[in-house]
N, C-alpha and C. Protein backbone atom coordinates (compact mmCIF):
# COMPACT_ATOMS: atom_id res chain seq x y z
N UNK A 1 -4.00 29.10 6.84
CA UNK A 1 -4.60 28.56 5.64
C UNK A 1 -6.11 28.73 5.70
N UNK A 2 -6.68 29.07 4.58
CA UNK A 2 -8.12 29.26 4.51
C UNK A 2 -8.76 27.91 4.17
N UNK A 3 -9.82 27.59 4.89
CA UNK A 3 -10.50 26.31 4.65
C UNK A 3 -11.15 26.32 3.27
N UNK A 4 -10.94 25.28 2.53
CA UNK A 4 -11.51 25.14 1.19
C UNK A 4 -12.65 24.14 1.27
N UNK A 5 -13.83 24.51 0.79
CA UNK A 5 -14.96 23.59 0.88
C UNK A 5 -14.73 22.28 0.10
N UNK A 6 -13.85 22.30 -0.90
CA UNK A 6 -13.57 21.11 -1.68
C UNK A 6 -12.42 20.30 -1.10
N UNK A 7 -11.90 20.70 0.03
CA UNK A 7 -10.77 20.03 0.66
C UNK A 7 -11.17 18.64 1.08
N UNK A 8 -10.36 17.65 0.69
CA UNK A 8 -10.70 16.26 0.97
C UNK A 8 -9.46 15.56 1.51
N UNK A 9 -9.52 15.14 2.78
CA UNK A 9 -8.37 14.48 3.41
C UNK A 9 -7.94 13.24 2.66
N UNK A 10 -8.89 12.45 2.20
CA UNK A 10 -8.55 11.21 1.50
C UNK A 10 -7.76 11.51 0.24
N UNK A 11 -8.19 12.50 -0.53
CA UNK A 11 -7.50 12.86 -1.76
C UNK A 11 -6.09 13.37 -1.45
N UNK A 12 -5.96 14.13 -0.38
CA UNK A 12 -4.65 14.65 0.02
C UNK A 12 -3.71 13.50 0.35
N UNK A 13 -4.20 12.50 1.07
CA UNK A 13 -3.37 11.34 1.41
C UNK A 13 -3.01 10.53 0.17
N UNK A 14 -3.93 10.43 -0.78
CA UNK A 14 -3.63 9.72 -2.03
C UNK A 14 -2.49 10.41 -2.77
N UNK A 15 -2.55 11.73 -2.88
CA UNK A 15 -1.48 12.47 -3.56
C UNK A 15 -0.16 12.31 -2.82
N UNK A 16 -0.22 12.35 -1.50
CA UNK A 16 1.00 12.20 -0.70
C UNK A 16 1.60 10.82 -0.90
N UNK A 17 0.76 9.78 -0.89
CA UNK A 17 1.24 8.42 -1.08
C UNK A 17 1.85 8.22 -2.46
N UNK A 18 1.22 8.81 -3.48
CA UNK A 18 1.77 8.71 -4.83
C UNK A 18 3.12 9.40 -4.91
N UNK A 19 3.25 10.56 -4.26
CA UNK A 19 4.51 11.29 -4.26
C UNK A 19 5.60 10.48 -3.57
N UNK A 20 5.28 9.89 -2.43
CA UNK A 20 6.25 9.09 -1.68
C UNK A 20 6.67 7.87 -2.51
N UNK A 21 5.71 7.19 -3.12
CA UNK A 21 6.03 6.02 -3.95
C UNK A 21 6.92 6.41 -5.12
N UNK A 22 6.63 7.55 -5.74
CA UNK A 22 7.43 8.01 -6.87
C UNK A 22 8.85 8.30 -6.44
N UNK A 23 9.01 8.90 -5.28
CA UNK A 23 10.36 9.20 -4.77
C UNK A 23 11.14 7.92 -4.48
N UNK A 24 10.47 6.92 -3.92
CA UNK A 24 11.13 5.65 -3.61
C UNK A 24 11.56 4.96 -4.89
N UNK A 25 10.65 4.87 -5.87
CA UNK A 25 10.98 4.22 -7.14
C UNK A 25 12.10 4.96 -7.86
N UNK A 26 12.06 6.28 -7.82
CA UNK A 26 13.09 7.08 -8.46
C UNK A 26 14.46 6.81 -7.84
N UNK A 27 14.51 6.71 -6.51
CA UNK A 27 15.79 6.46 -5.84
C UNK A 27 16.31 5.06 -6.17
N UNK A 28 15.40 4.09 -6.32
CA UNK A 28 15.82 2.73 -6.68
C UNK A 28 16.39 2.72 -8.10
N UNK A 29 15.71 3.39 -9.03
CA UNK A 29 16.20 3.46 -10.42
C UNK A 29 17.54 4.17 -10.47
N UNK A 30 17.69 5.24 -9.70
CA UNK A 30 18.97 5.96 -9.69
C UNK A 30 20.09 5.10 -9.14
N UNK A 31 19.79 4.24 -8.17
CA UNK A 31 20.82 3.41 -7.56
C UNK A 31 21.17 2.20 -8.43
N UNK A 32 20.16 1.55 -8.99
CA UNK A 32 20.39 0.29 -9.71
C UNK A 32 20.31 0.42 -11.23
N UNK A 33 19.81 1.54 -11.72
CA UNK A 33 19.66 1.72 -13.16
C UNK A 33 18.37 1.10 -13.66
N UNK A 34 18.03 1.42 -14.91
CA UNK A 34 16.81 0.89 -15.49
C UNK A 34 17.09 -0.48 -16.08
N UNK A 35 16.19 -1.41 -15.83
CA UNK A 35 16.29 -2.76 -16.39
C UNK A 35 14.97 -3.08 -17.07
N UNK A 36 15.03 -3.50 -18.32
CA UNK A 36 13.78 -3.83 -19.00
C UNK A 36 13.11 -5.05 -18.36
N UNK A 37 11.82 -4.98 -18.26
CA UNK A 37 11.06 -6.08 -17.69
C UNK A 37 10.08 -6.56 -18.74
N UNK A 38 10.10 -7.85 -19.04
CA UNK A 38 9.16 -8.39 -20.01
C UNK A 38 8.43 -9.58 -19.39
N UNK A 39 7.23 -9.77 -19.85
CA UNK A 39 6.49 -10.95 -19.43
C UNK A 39 5.99 -11.63 -20.70
N UNK A 40 6.22 -12.90 -20.81
CA UNK A 40 5.78 -13.63 -22.00
C UNK A 40 4.70 -14.64 -21.67
N UNK A 41 4.24 -14.63 -20.43
CA UNK A 41 3.18 -15.53 -20.04
C UNK A 41 3.67 -16.90 -19.57
N UNK A 42 4.95 -17.20 -19.75
CA UNK A 42 5.48 -18.49 -19.30
C UNK A 42 6.02 -18.34 -17.89
N UNK A 43 5.25 -18.78 -16.94
CA UNK A 43 5.68 -18.70 -15.55
C UNK A 43 6.66 -19.79 -15.21
N UNK A 44 7.22 -19.75 -14.02
CA UNK A 44 8.18 -20.78 -13.61
C UNK A 44 7.57 -22.16 -13.49
């Protein structure tokens, strides 16, 4: 791989973390299905 002057480790880790989080959420939705979530401001 050729070194890129704009290469940023932090940005790479951010993209990786977003990808991992998206995969986890996707697998949860696939397993349990989509459920609507609403908030009306009335807490317990």
